[in-house]
């Protein structure tokens, strides 16, 4: 009987088979402790060892060796009945007074009002970004700047036509009969100038002048003059050669090509950014849906605990555990809603336009594509080095700076120029005879400009010049300093190209590794989710059967939520790896305005 009483007491104070960790028996144990203490005081014996934990009730502990067995058994029965009555009364009073009687909302949305969503496919997001993104407009603006700079430099070698029409009227007082008091002059001039690819400057000019005078002793009161001339200037040191004359033009050509490659790179970067933001929103929405289901499961679990508590099957510990789990899921659901809003705003920032009203946000309509077979790393690296527009733009920047450096080196010399010119003149007009000192001078005639031009083309009155001029600044610091500056810019461009090349190779290798492992990682995450879901189902069944506790169910549910979150991250990582490989290795040939 003594051993059986000990076993019954041990089973009574042990683990609760209905699902709690002895929560109900904690209350009963407290009541039993109080009754046992009262009995010990009446006997003058007995000592309560710990008021915080249930005492083990056994037959030897409740009996007194100094009394007869019948008296000790009677007192033990009274104590046990008193303890059970007190425990049931305390449990009923706690269930009536505590807030556990209010059941949670077990619906999917739980009363939350979802903002209006604007469905968007990935293709639509790409089109919106191409039309509205500031990044695209900035790249096109840089391309326009480069095109304008190239046009300006090329315009320096375009032939230039010039012309002038001038009238001059002069009235002056005279003090001699040989002077003219009135002079009327009209001149027409024109020509063309051009700079050759080797720096030769050519200037061709034609002019005709008609002059009238009232001088009394002028035999040609109306003059018609014609003139033609060719002038040539050829640099011999500074400014001689294609490197000197067309260095800026060549640099502008390379910069224009670099701007085109940068525009292509901006298009690829924008497309990759849109895809990444789109899949981030997809993962955030997927996590939010999982969190809603998890919160709903937590609400159902709390409701079950409340029902079991009202029935007296579990105590406040199990209900508190369920409430803690419910509060944690509520907080995680709020975090998921914040992440969805942040991801939607990030997508709106990339595409360059909001979803609509202030309370609207984007919603993903597409699912991530299935993982494709990954090419060998050597093939991807080769194609990236050949076709990556960002690396190509860096190489073109190097070519542009090298052209400027060569031009600066050719200008770091003294100015030595050979110049010369050849021309002719002709004269016609209205002549008259005058008498001076008894002699008749001049003749009467009237010839036009045609006669004057005949004299010019007939080389009747030629003129020419030829020379050499030298210009050497003392100190020679300006040109040498410009040469050093351009060499420094060239070194910086080379370093930038090498850094971009290394970064490209590293990015290709990393993206290739992620793409290779993403399929297996995604499959592993899917298997993990299935296993965690099955584990949660079994844990709930075992809890209902009394073979596990509420804490075990909460732990398993948390593991399921973590597995679902990791699966979403694996989906995004796989999509990002594929997008990154396309961005790094795919050339873009697009026609830009």
Protein backbone atom coordinates (compact mmCIF):
# COMPACT_ATOMS: atom_id res chain seq x y z
CA UNK A 1 0.00 0.00 0.00
CA UNK A 2 2.86 2.36 0.76
CA UNK A 3 4.47 1.89 -2.67
CA UNK A 4 1.11 2.21 -4.44
CA UNK A 5 0.39 5.46 -2.60
CA UNK A 6 3.78 6.83 -3.61
CA UNK A 7 3.20 5.89 -7.27
CA UNK A 8 -0.22 7.53 -7.27
CA UNK A 9 1.16 10.70 -5.75
CA UNK A 10 4.05 10.72 -8.23
CA UNK A 11 1.70 10.33 -11.17
CA UNK A 12 -0.54 13.05 -9.80
CA UNK A 13 2.26 15.58 -9.54
CA UNK A 14 4.09 14.54 -12.71
CA UNK A 15 3.65 15.61 -16.31
CA UNK A 16 0.14 16.50 -17.44
CA UNK A 17 -0.92 13.99 -20.07
CA UNK A 18 -3.48 16.36 -21.55
CA UNK A 19 -0.87 18.72 -23.01
CA UNK A 20 0.37 21.07 -20.27
CA UNK A 21 3.54 20.75 -18.20
CA UNK A 22 1.60 20.11 -15.00
CA UNK A 23 -0.09 23.51 -15.04
CA UNK A 24 -3.26 22.26 -13.45
CA UNK A 25 -1.33 20.29 -10.85
CA UNK A 26 0.60 23.41 -9.90
CA UNK A 27 -2.64 24.91 -8.58
CA UNK A 28 -3.67 21.63 -7.00
CA UNK A 29 -0.23 21.20 -5.52
CA UNK A 30 -0.46 24.64 -3.95
CA UNK A 31 -3.82 23.76 -2.35
CA UNK A 32 -2.46 20.42 -1.17
CA UNK A 33 0.53 22.16 0.33
CA UNK A 34 -1.66 24.55 2.28
CA UNK A 35 -3.81 21.66 3.63
CA UNK A 36 -0.77 19.59 4.47
CA UNK A 37 0.74 22.55 6.30
CA UNK A 38 -2.45 23.03 8.30
CA UNK A 39 -2.46 19.34 9.20
CA UNK A 40 1.16 19.51 10.29
CA UNK A 41 0.46 22.46 12.55
CA UNK A 42 -2.40 20.59 14.21
CA UNK A 43 -0.06 17.68 14.81
CA UNK A 44 2.82 19.90 15.81
CA UNK A 45 4.92 18.24 13.15
CA UNK A 46 5.63 18.56 9.46
CA UNK A 47 7.57 21.23 7.60
CA UNK A 48 6.79 22.74 4.22
CA UNK A 49 9.98 22.52 2.12
CA UNK A 50 9.01 24.75 -0.81
CA UNK A 51 5.90 26.81 -1.36
CA UNK A 52 6.66 27.47 -5.03
CA UNK A 53 6.47 23.89 -6.25
CA UNK A 54 3.92 21.12 -5.69
CA UNK A 55 4.77 18.80 -2.84
CA UNK A 56 4.93 15.12 -3.47
CA UNK A 57 1.94 13.55 -1.69
CA UNK A 58 2.75 10.06 -0.44
CA UNK A 59 1.29 7.87 2.22
CA UNK A 60 4.33 8.04 4.54
CA UNK A 61 4.49 11.79 4.27
CA UNK A 62 0.84 12.20 5.29
CA UNK A 63 0.90 9.60 8.08
CA UNK A 64 2.23 10.05 11.63
CA UNK A 65 4.24 7.34 13.30
CA UNK A 66 3.12 8.52 16.77
CA UNK A 67 -0.57 7.96 16.00
CA UNK A 68 -2.55 4.88 15.13
CA UNK A 69 -2.91 4.06 11.42
CA UNK A 70 -6.62 4.67 11.45
CA UNK A 71 -6.27 8.25 12.71
CA UNK A 72 -3.48 9.04 10.23
CA UNK A 73 -5.49 7.63 7.32
CA UNK A 74 -8.53 9.66 8.30
CA UNK A 75 -6.52 12.88 8.38
CA UNK A 76 -4.86 12.02 5.02
CA UNK A 77 -8.21 11.49 3.32
CA UNK A 78 -9.48 14.80 4.62
CA UNK A 79 -6.37 16.59 3.36
CA UNK A 80 -6.65 15.07 -0.11
CA UNK A 81 -10.36 15.92 -0.42
CA UNK A 82 -9.73 19.45 0.80
CA UNK A 83 -6.89 19.93 -1.70
CA UNK A 84 -8.98 18.71 -4.63
CA UNK A 85 -11.90 20.95 -3.66
CA UNK A 86 -9.63 23.99 -3.31
CA UNK A 87 -7.92 23.29 -6.67
CA UNK A 88 -11.22 23.00 -8.53
CA UNK A 89 -12.54 26.18 -6.91
CA UNK A 90 -9.33 28.07 -7.72
CA UNK A 91 -9.38 26.86 -11.32
CA UNK A 92 -13.01 27.90 -11.80
CA UNK A 93 -12.40 31.31 -10.23
CA UNK A 94 -9.30 31.88 -12.42
CA UNK A 95 -11.14 30.87 -15.57
CA UNK A 96 -13.97 33.24 -14.74
CA UNK A 97 -11.83 36.22 -13.75
CA UNK A 98 -8.97 36.01 -16.34
CA UNK A 99 -9.23 37.44 -19.86
CA UNK A 100 -8.83 34.03 -21.48
CA UNK A 101 -12.53 33.84 -22.12
CA UNK A 102 -12.22 36.20 -25.11
CA UNK A 103 -11.49 34.21 -28.24
CA UNK A 104 -9.08 35.50 -30.97
CA UNK A 105 -10.04 36.28 -34.54
CA UNK A 106 -9.27 33.16 -36.57
CA UNK A 107 -10.06 34.62 -39.99
CA UNK A 108 -7.35 35.00 -42.64
CA UNK A 109 -7.23 38.80 -42.66
CA UNK A 110 -8.21 39.15 -38.99
CA UNK A 111 -10.10 42.35 -39.69
CA UNK A 112 -7.15 44.07 -41.44
CA UNK A 113 -7.99 46.31 -44.39
CA UNK A 114 -5.72 45.60 -47.34
CA UNK A 115 -4.64 48.59 -49.46
CA UNK A 116 -5.75 48.63 -53.06
CA UNK A 117 -3.26 46.76 -55.23
CA UNK A 118 -2.26 47.45 -58.82
CA UNK A 119 -1.33 44.23 -60.58
CA UNK A 120 1.86 44.42 -62.60
CA UNK A 121 3.69 41.90 -64.76
CA UNK A 122 7.45 41.95 -65.14
CA UNK A 123 7.18 43.04 -68.77
CA UNK A 124 4.92 45.94 -67.82
CA UNK A 125 7.38 46.97 -65.12
CA UNK A 126 10.21 46.95 -67.68
CA UNK A 127 8.23 49.16 -70.06
CA UNK A 128 7.31 51.59 -67.30
CA UNK A 129 10.94 51.84 -66.26
CA UNK A 130 12.12 52.44 -69.83
CA UNK A 131 9.57 55.25 -70.23
CA UNK A 132 9.74 56.95 -66.84
CA UNK A 133 12.96 56.04 -65.05
CA UNK A 134 15.29 59.01 -64.41
CA UNK A 135 18.25 56.68 -64.93
CA UNK A 136 17.29 56.12 -68.57
CA UNK A 137 16.74 59.81 -69.17
CA UNK A 138 20.09 60.65 -67.59
CA UNK A 139 21.87 58.14 -69.85
CA UNK A 140 20.16 59.58 -72.94
CA UNK A 141 21.08 63.11 -71.82
CA UNK A 142 24.74 62.08 -71.47
CA UNK A 143 24.57 60.57 -74.96
CA UNK A 144 23.20 63.82 -76.34
CA UNK A 145 25.99 65.75 -74.64
CA UNK A 146 28.61 63.46 -76.18
CA UNK A 147 27.02 63.75 -79.61
CA UNK A 148 27.03 67.54 -79.34
CA UNK A 149 30.67 67.61 -78.23
CA UNK A 150 31.67 65.45 -81.18
CA UNK A 151 29.76 67.68 -83.58
CA UNK A 152 31.46 70.76 -82.14
CA UNK A 153 34.94 69.30 -82.59
CA UNK A 154 34.18 68.12 -86.11
CA UNK A 155 32.85 71.56 -87.00
CA UNK A 156 36.31 73.04 -86.51
CA UNK A 157 37.38 71.32 -89.76
CA UNK A 158 34.40 72.36 -91.84
CA UNK A 159 35.10 74.88 -94.64
CA UNK A 160 33.99 78.40 -93.75
CA UNK A 161 32.46 80.78 -96.24
CA UNK A 162 32.55 84.51 -95.57
CA UNK A 163 31.37 87.63 -97.33
CA UNK A 164 30.90 91.34 -96.67
CA UNK A 165 29.20 94.32 -98.31
CA UNK A 166 30.35 97.71 -97.06
CA UNK A 167 29.54 101.32 -97.95
CA UNK A 168 31.66 104.26 -96.81
CA UNK A 169 30.74 107.91 -97.30
CA UNK A 170 33.28 110.57 -96.31
CA UNK A 171 32.97 114.38 -96.45
CA UNK A 172 36.08 116.27 -95.37
CA UNK A 173 37.21 119.88 -95.61
CA UNK A 174 40.09 120.39 -98.04
CA UNK A 175 42.90 122.91 -98.24
CA UNK A 176 44.24 122.02 -101.68
CA UNK A 177 42.66 121.67 -105.09
CA UNK A 178 44.28 118.25 -105.39
CA UNK A 179 42.28 116.84 -102.49
CA UNK A 180 38.79 115.39 -102.60
CA UNK A 181 36.18 116.74 -100.26
CA UNK A 182 33.70 113.91 -100.96
CA UNK A 183 34.48 110.23 -101.22
CA UNK A 184 32.00 107.40 -101.74
CA UNK A 185 33.23 103.80 -101.50
CA UNK A 186 31.38 100.49 -101.80
CA UNK A 187 33.21 97.20 -101.39
CA UNK A 188 32.07 93.61 -101.85
CA UNK A 189 34.30 90.79 -100.55
CA UNK A 190 33.98 87.07 -100.02
CA UNK A 191 35.92 83.88 -99.79
CA UNK A 192 36.44 80.60 -97.98
CA UNK A 193 38.80 79.21 -95.34
CA UNK A 194 39.65 75.64 -94.40
CA UNK A 195 41.96 73.72 -92.05
CA UNK A 196 43.37 70.52 -93.52
CA UNK A 197 43.87 67.27 -91.53
CA UNK A 198 47.60 68.03 -91.15
CA UNK A 199 46.98 71.53 -89.83
CA UNK A 200 47.37 73.56 -93.04
CA UNK A 201 45.26 76.70 -93.01
CA UNK A 202 44.03 77.83 -96.44
CA UNK A 203 42.30 81.15 -97.06
CA UNK A 204 40.93 82.24 -100.48
CA UNK A 205 39.44 85.75 -100.85
CA UNK A 206 37.94 87.85 -103.64
CA UNK A 207 37.09 91.55 -103.46
CA UNK A 208 35.86 94.36 -105.66
CA UNK A 209 35.77 98.02 -104.72
CA UNK A 210 33.98 100.94 -106.37
CA UNK A 211 35.14 104.43 -105.33
CA UNK A 212 33.93 107.88 -106.38
CA UNK A 213 35.73 111.17 -105.65
CA UNK A 214 35.23 114.84 -106.47
CA UNK A 215 38.92 115.71 -106.72
CA UNK A 216 39.33 118.20 -109.59
CA UNK A 217 42.61 116.83 -110.87
CA UNK A 218 41.67 113.11 -110.73
CA UNK A 219 41.76 111.41 -114.09
CA UNK A 220 39.72 108.50 -112.72
CA UNK A 221 36.92 109.94 -110.63
CA UNK A 222 35.16 106.56 -110.61
CA UNK A 223 37.41 103.59 -109.82
CA UNK A 224 36.55 99.92 -110.14
CA UNK A 225 39.12 97.65 -108.52
CA UNK A 226 39.22 93.82 -108.36
CA UNK A 227 41.46 91.63 -106.21
CA UNK A 228 41.99 87.89 -105.63
CA UNK A 229 44.37 86.24 -103.16
CA UNK A 230 45.34 82.85 -101.73
CA UNK A 231 47.04 82.65 -98.29
CA UNK A 232 48.50 79.46 -96.79
CA UNK A 233 49.88 78.83 -93.28
CA UNK A 234 51.57 75.49 -92.50
CA UNK A 235 52.68 74.55 -88.92
CA UNK A 236 56.01 72.75 -88.83
CA UNK A 237 56.33 71.75 -85.15
CA UNK A 238 53.46 72.70 -82.86
CA UNK A 239 50.12 71.76 -84.34
CA UNK A 240 51.52 69.64 -87.19
CA UNK A 241 50.06 66.21 -87.98
CA UNK A 242 46.83 64.33 -87.38
CA UNK A 243 47.53 63.84 -83.68
CA UNK A 244 47.70 67.57 -83.10
CA UNK A 245 44.86 68.70 -85.31
CA UNK A 246 42.39 65.90 -84.77
CA UNK A 247 43.24 64.78 -81.24
CA UNK A 248 40.14 66.38 -79.74
CA UNK A 249 37.97 65.06 -82.57
CA UNK A 250 39.25 61.53 -82.05
CA UNK A 251 38.68 61.87 -78.32
CA UNK A 252 35.15 63.11 -78.98
CA UNK A 253 34.52 60.12 -81.27
CA UNK A 254 35.61 57.71 -78.55
CA UNK A 255 33.56 59.55 -75.95
CA UNK A 256 30.49 59.32 -78.16
CA UNK A 257 30.95 55.57 -78.48
CA UNK A 258 31.53 55.36 -74.74
CA UNK A 259 28.30 57.26 -74.13
CA UNK A 260 26.45 54.79 -76.36
CA UNK A 261 27.92 51.87 -74.42
CA UNK A 262 27.05 53.58 -71.15
CA UNK A 263 23.48 54.00 -72.36
CA UNK A 264 23.37 50.29 -73.13
CA UNK A 265 24.85 49.51 -69.72
CA UNK A 266 22.27 51.78 -68.10
CA UNK A 267 19.53 49.90 -69.94
CA UNK A 268 20.88 46.57 -68.68
CA UNK A 269 21.33 47.91 -65.15
CA UNK A 270 17.82 49.30 -65.15
CA UNK A 271 16.37 46.02 -66.37
CA UNK A 272 18.27 44.11 -63.69
CA UNK A 273 17.19 46.59 -61.02
CA UNK A 274 13.55 46.26 -62.09
CA UNK A 275 13.75 42.46 -61.98
CA UNK A 276 15.43 42.45 -58.58
CA UNK A 277 12.91 44.90 -57.13
CA UNK A 278 10.05 42.92 -58.70
CA UNK A 279 11.20 39.63 -57.16
CA UNK A 280 11.85 41.31 -53.83
CA UNK A 281 8.23 42.45 -53.84
CA UNK A 282 7.17 38.93 -54.85
CA UNK A 283 9.10 37.45 -51.92
CA UNK A 284 7.70 40.04 -49.51
CA UNK A 285 4.13 39.30 -50.61
CA UNK A 286 4.82 35.58 -50.35
CA UNK A 287 6.18 36.02 -46.83
CA UNK A 288 3.17 38.12 -45.91
CA UNK A 289 0.81 35.38 -47.10
CA UNK A 290 2.77 32.82 -45.09
CA UNK A 291 2.68 35.08 -42.04
CA UNK A 292 -1.09 35.47 -42.39
CA UNK A 293 -1.52 31.70 -42.45
CA UNK A 294 0.83 31.35 -39.50
CA UNK A 295 -1.08 34.01 -37.55
CA UNK A 296 -4.32 32.21 -38.37
CA UNK A 297 -2.84 28.94 -37.10
CA UNK A 298 -1.67 30.72 -33.95
CA UNK A 299 -5.18 32.13 -33.44
CA UNK A 300 -6.74 28.67 -33.83
CA UNK A 301 -4.18 27.25 -31.42
CA UNK A 302 -4.95 29.96 -28.85
CA UNK A 303 -8.67 29.35 -29.23
CA UNK A 304 -8.15 25.66 -28.57
CA UNK A 305 -6.11 26.43 -25.47
CA UNK A 306 -8.84 28.74 -24.19
CA UNK A 307 -11.47 26.06 -24.70
CA UNK A 308 -9.29 23.49 -22.95
CA UNK A 309 -8.65 25.93 -20.11
CA UNK A 310 -12.37 26.46 -19.59
CA UNK A 311 -12.78 22.72 -19.41
CA UNK A 312 -10.04 22.53 -16.80
CA UNK A 313 -7.81 20.35 -18.97
CA UNK A 314 -4.89 22.84 -19.12
CA UNK A 315 -3.80 25.62 -16.86
CA UNK A 316 -2.77 29.24 -17.36
CA UNK A 317 0.74 28.24 -18.45
CA UNK A 318 -0.49 26.65 -21.66
CA UNK A 319 -2.74 29.62 -22.38
CA UNK A 320 0.13 32.03 -21.73
CA UNK A 321 2.34 30.07 -24.12
CA UNK A 322 -0.34 30.22 -26.80
CA UNK A 323 -0.84 33.94 -26.21
CA UNK A 324 2.90 34.55 -26.52
CA UNK A 325 2.97 32.63 -29.77
CA UNK A 326 -0.03 34.60 -31.02
CA UNK A 327 1.56 37.95 -30.10
CA UNK A 328 4.80 36.95 -31.85
CA UNK A 329 2.91 36.06 -35.02
CA UNK A 330 1.02 39.37 -34.88
CA UNK A 331 4.32 41.26 -34.64
CA UNK A 332 5.85 39.25 -37.47
CA UNK A 333 2.79 39.87 -39.61
CA UNK A 334 3.14 43.62 -39.05
CA UNK A 335 6.81 43.38 -40.01
CA UNK A 336 5.81 41.49 -43.17
CA UNK A 337 3.29 44.22 -44.06
CA UNK A 338 6.02 46.84 -43.62
CA UNK A 339 8.36 44.83 -45.86
CA UNK A 340 5.68 44.60 -48.55
CA UNK A 341 5.14 48.36 -48.45
CA UNK A 342 8.88 49.01 -48.58
CA UNK A 343 9.35 46.62 -51.50
CA UNK A 344 6.45 48.23 -53.38
CA UNK A 345 7.96 51.69 -52.89
CA UNK A 346 11.35 50.38 -54.01
CA UNK A 347 9.78 49.05 -57.21
CA UNK A 348 8.00 52.37 -57.77
CA UNK A 349 11.31 54.16 -57.34
CA UNK A 350 12.99 51.95 -59.94
CA UNK A 351 10.23 52.20 -62.54
CA UNK A 352 9.95 55.94 -61.98
CA UNK A 353 6.21 56.15 -61.25
CA UNK A 354 3.89 55.41 -58.35
CA UNK A 355 1.11 52.84 -58.46
CA UNK A 356 -1.61 55.49 -58.37
CA UNK A 357 -3.20 57.00 -55.31
CA UNK A 358 -1.39 57.34 -52.01
CA UNK A 359 -2.99 54.20 -50.56
CA UNK A 360 -2.27 52.01 -53.60
CA UNK A 361 0.73 49.79 -54.12
CA UNK A 362 2.08 47.41 -56.73
CA UNK A 363 1.30 43.71 -56.75
CA UNK A 364 3.29 41.03 -58.60
CA UNK A 365 1.40 38.93 -61.12
CA UNK A 366 4.30 36.81 -62.41
CA UNK A 367 6.12 33.96 -60.72
CA UNK A 368 9.90 33.54 -60.86
CA UNK A 369 11.03 31.49 -63.85
CA UNK A 370 12.39 28.03 -63.43
CA UNK A 371 16.14 27.74 -63.17
CA UNK A 372 17.86 27.24 -66.53
CA UNK A 373 21.00 25.34 -67.36
CA UNK A 374 24.08 27.45 -66.64
CA UNK A 375 26.80 27.81 -69.27
CA UNK A 376 30.41 26.97 -68.43
CA UNK A 377 32.28 29.68 -66.58
CA UNK A 378 34.94 30.04 -69.31
CA UNK A 379 32.30 30.82 -71.94
CA UNK A 380 30.59 33.36 -69.71
CA UNK A 381 33.85 35.10 -68.88
CA UNK A 382 34.85 35.30 -72.54
CA UNK A 383 31.51 36.75 -73.58
CA UNK A 384 31.53 39.22 -70.70
CA UNK A 385 34.98 40.53 -71.66
CA UNK A 386 33.90 40.91 -75.26
CA UNK A 387 30.36 42.21 -74.93
CA UNK A 388 29.92 43.88 -71.55
CA UNK A 389 29.02 47.49 -72.42
CA UNK A 390 30.34 48.90 -69.17
CA UNK A 391 33.82 47.45 -69.76
CA UNK A 392 33.68 48.54 -73.39
CA UNK A 393 32.86 52.08 -72.27
CA UNK A 394 35.89 52.07 -69.97
CA UNK A 395 38.12 50.98 -72.86
CA UNK A 396 36.72 53.78 -75.03
CA UNK A 397 37.41 56.28 -72.25
CA UNK A 398 41.02 55.11 -72.28
CA UNK A 399 41.17 55.64 -76.05
CA UNK A 400 39.74 59.15 -75.66
CA UNK A 401 42.26 60.15 -73.00
CA UNK A 402 45.09 58.66 -75.03
CA UNK A 403 44.10 60.79 -78.04
CA UNK A 404 44.11 63.91 -75.88
CA UNK A 405 47.48 62.96 -74.42
CA UNK A 406 48.95 62.63 -77.91
CA UNK A 407 47.53 66.00 -78.88
CA UNK A 408 49.02 67.59 -75.78
CA UNK A 409 52.40 66.02 -76.55
CA UNK A 410 52.34 67.42 -80.10
CA UNK A 411 51.54 70.87 -78.76
CA UNK A 412 54.47 70.85 -76.34
CA UNK A 413 56.78 72.31 -79.01
CA UNK A 414 57.63 75.82 -80.18
CA UNK A 415 55.38 77.34 -82.81
CA UNK A 416 57.14 77.31 -86.17
CA UNK A 417 55.00 78.21 -89.17
CA UNK A 418 55.68 78.69 -92.86
CA UNK A 419 53.32 81.13 -94.52
CA UNK A 420 52.89 82.62 -97.94
CA UNK A 421 50.39 84.00 -100.38
CA UNK A 422 49.79 84.89 -104.01
CA UNK A 423 47.29 87.23 -105.61
CA UNK A 424 46.53 89.72 -108.35
CA UNK A 425 44.75 93.02 -108.90
CA UNK A 426 42.88 94.79 -111.68
CA UNK A 427 41.71 98.36 -112.29
CA UNK A 428 38.86 99.82 -114.35
CA UNK A 429 36.50 102.76 -114.08
CA UNK A 430 35.40 106.05 -115.72
CA UNK A 431 38.28 108.17 -117.01
CA UNK A 432 38.41 111.81 -118.14
CA UNK A 433 40.88 114.28 -119.54
CA UNK A 434 42.18 117.14 -117.42
CA UNK A 435 44.36 120.11 -118.31
CA UNK A 436 47.18 120.86 -115.95
CA UNK A 437 49.80 123.55 -116.65
CA UNK A 438 48.77 123.73 -120.25
CA UNK A 439 49.01 120.00 -120.74
CA UNK A 440 46.18 117.55 -121.30
CA UNK A 441 46.42 114.41 -119.20
CA UNK A 442 44.23 111.29 -119.23
CA UNK A 443 41.61 110.05 -121.59
CA UNK A 444 37.90 109.50 -121.65
CA UNK A 445 36.81 105.87 -121.12
CA UNK A 446 34.33 103.82 -119.15
CA UNK A 447 35.22 100.17 -118.30
CA UNK A 448 33.43 97.84 -115.91
CA UNK A 449 34.53 95.25 -113.39
CA UNK A 450 34.89 92.66 -116.13
CA UNK A 451 37.92 94.46 -117.43
CA UNK A 452 39.38 94.54 -113.92
CA UNK A 453 38.80 90.79 -113.41
CA UNK A 454 40.46 90.09 -116.74
CA UNK A 455 43.54 91.78 -115.41
CA UNK A 456 43.37 89.71 -112.23
CA UNK A 457 43.02 86.36 -113.99
CA UNK A 458 45.56 87.41 -116.61
CA UNK A 459 48.09 87.96 -113.88
CA UNK A 460 48.74 91.46 -115.11
CA UNK A 461 49.44 92.83 -111.65
CA UNK A 462 50.58 89.93 -109.43
CA UNK A 463 51.64 90.10 -105.77
CA UNK A 464 53.04 87.41 -103.45
CA UNK A 465 54.69 86.93 -100.06
CA UNK A 466 56.59 84.11 -98.31
CA UNK A 467 58.00 83.83 -94.81
CA UNK A 468 58.68 81.87 -91.65
CA UNK A 469 57.70 82.83 -88.09
CA UNK A 470 58.67 81.33 -84.74
CA UNK A 471 56.91 81.68 -81.39
CA UNK A 472 58.59 80.25 -78.27
CA UNK A 473 57.30 81.15 -74.78
CA UNK A 474 59.88 81.55 -72.05
CA UNK A 475 59.63 78.86 -69.41
CA UNK A 476 57.39 76.77 -71.62
CA UNK A 477 55.30 75.75 -68.63
CA UNK A 478 51.76 75.98 -69.95
CA UNK A 479 52.14 73.37 -72.70
CA UNK A 480 54.32 71.07 -70.63
CA UNK A 481 51.86 71.29 -67.73
CA UNK A 482 48.96 70.41 -70.02
CA UNK A 483 50.89 67.40 -71.27
CA UNK A 484 51.48 66.17 -67.72
CA UNK A 485 47.82 66.70 -66.87
CA UNK A 486 46.66 64.62 -69.83
CA UNK A 487 49.14 61.87 -68.97
CA UNK A 488 47.74 61.77 -65.44
CA UNK A 489 44.19 61.52 -66.79
CA UNK A 490 45.32 58.66 -69.04
CA UNK A 491 46.82 56.77 -66.09
CA UNK A 492 43.60 57.23 -64.13
CA UNK A 493 41.53 55.95 -67.05
CA UNK A 494 43.76 52.88 -67.35
CA UNK A 495 43.38 52.17 -63.64
CA UNK A 496 39.60 52.58 -63.88
CA UNK A 497 39.46 50.16 -66.81
CA UNK A 498 41.53 47.55 -64.96
CA UNK A 499 39.40 47.91 -61.83
CA UNK A 500 36.21 47.54 -63.85
CA UNK A 501 37.63 44.48 -65.56
CA UNK A 502 38.50 42.84 -62.25
CA UNK A 503 35.09 43.72 -60.82
CA UNK A 504 33.40 42.24 -63.90
CA UNK A 505 35.33 38.97 -63.63
CA UNK A 506 34.54 38.72 -59.92
CA UNK A 507 30.85 39.46 -60.50
CA UNK A 508 30.62 36.86 -63.28
CA UNK A 509 32.24 34.20 -61.12
CA UNK A 510 29.99 35.00 -58.17
CA UNK A 511 26.83 35.06 -60.29
CA UNK A 512 27.86 31.79 -61.95
CA UNK A 513 28.37 30.15 -58.56
CA UNK A 514 25.00 31.39 -57.27
CA UNK A 515 23.27 30.28 -60.46
CA UNK A 516 24.81 26.82 -60.20
CA UNK A 517 23.85 26.39 -56.56
CA UNK A 518 20.51 28.18 -56.64
CA UNK A 519 18.60 25.26 -58.16
CA UNK A 520 19.86 22.81 -55.58
CA UNK A 521 19.41 25.33 -52.80
CA UNK A 522 15.86 26.07 -53.87
CA UNK A 523 15.04 22.36 -54.00
CA UNK A 524 16.57 21.92 -50.56
CA UNK A 525 14.46 24.77 -49.20
CA UNK A 526 11.31 23.27 -50.71
CA UNK A 527 12.12 19.93 -49.11
CA UNK A 528 12.75 21.75 -45.83
CA UNK A 529 9.36 23.48 -46.02
CA UNK A 530 7.59 20.20 -46.72
CA UNK A 531 9.39 18.50 -43.85
CA UNK A 532 8.65 21.41 -41.50
CA UNK A 533 4.99 21.41 -42.53
CA UNK A 534 4.75 17.67 -41.89
CA UNK A 535 6.55 18.11 -38.59
CA UNK A 536 4.06 20.80 -37.56
CA UNK A 537 1.13 18.56 -38.49
CA UNK A 538 2.53 15.67 -36.43
CA UNK A 539 3.29 17.98 -33.50
CA UNK A 540 -0.30 19.20 -33.43
CA UNK A 541 -1.60 15.62 -33.55
CA UNK A 542 0.72 14.57 -30.74
CA UNK A 543 -0.33 17.59 -28.71
CA UNK A 544 -4.00 16.68 -29.10
CA UNK A 545 -3.13 13.13 -28.10
CA UNK A 546 -1.31 14.39 -24.99
CA UNK A 547 2.16 13.27 -26.05
CA UNK A 548 3.66 16.78 -26.44
CA UNK A 549 3.31 20.20 -24.87
CA UNK A 550 2.14 23.58 -26.11
CA UNK A 551 5.73 24.78 -26.08
CA UNK A 552 6.71 21.99 -28.48
CA UNK A 553 3.96 23.05 -30.88
CA UNK A 554 5.11 26.68 -30.75
CA UNK A 555 8.72 25.72 -31.49
CA UNK A 556 7.71 23.58 -34.46
CA UNK A 557 5.47 26.31 -35.87
CA UNK A 558 8.34 28.81 -35.57
CA UNK A 559 10.59 26.40 -37.47
CA UNK A 560 7.97 26.15 -40.22
CA UNK A 561 7.78 29.91 -40.53
CA UNK A 562 11.59 30.15 -40.73
CA UNK A 563 11.66 27.48 -43.44
CA UNK A 564 9.07 29.37 -45.51
CA UNK A 565 11.06 32.58 -45.16
CA UNK A 566 14.24 30.85 -46.30
CA UNK A 567 12.40 29.39 -49.28
CA UNK A 568 11.32 32.89 -50.36
CA UNK A 569 14.89 34.12 -50.04
CA UNK A 570 16.10 31.18 -52.12
CA UNK A 571 13.58 32.05 -54.85
CA UNK A 572 14.78 35.66 -54.93
CA UNK A 573 18.42 34.61 -54.89
CA UNK A 574 17.95 32.26 -57.84
CA UNK A 575 16.12 34.92 -59.87
CA UNK A 576 18.75 37.52 -58.99
CA UNK A 577 21.61 35.22 -60.04
CA UNK A 578 20.03 34.61 -63.45
CA UNK A 579 19.38 38.33 -63.88
CA UNK A 580 22.93 39.19 -62.94
CA UNK A 581 24.39 36.77 -65.46
CA UNK A 582 22.27 38.29 -68.22
CA UNK A 583 23.29 41.79 -67.21
CA UNK A 584 26.99 40.98 -67.19
CA UNK A 585 27.23 38.88 -70.35
CA UNK A 586 24.50 40.09 -72.72
CA UNK A 587 25.26 42.90 -75.21
CA UNK A 588 22.47 45.36 -75.91
CA UNK A 589 22.19 46.94 -79.36
CA UNK A 590 19.52 49.55 -79.06
CA UNK A 591 18.82 52.54 -81.23
CA UNK A 592 18.94 55.71 -79.18
CA UNK A 593 17.64 59.09 -80.30
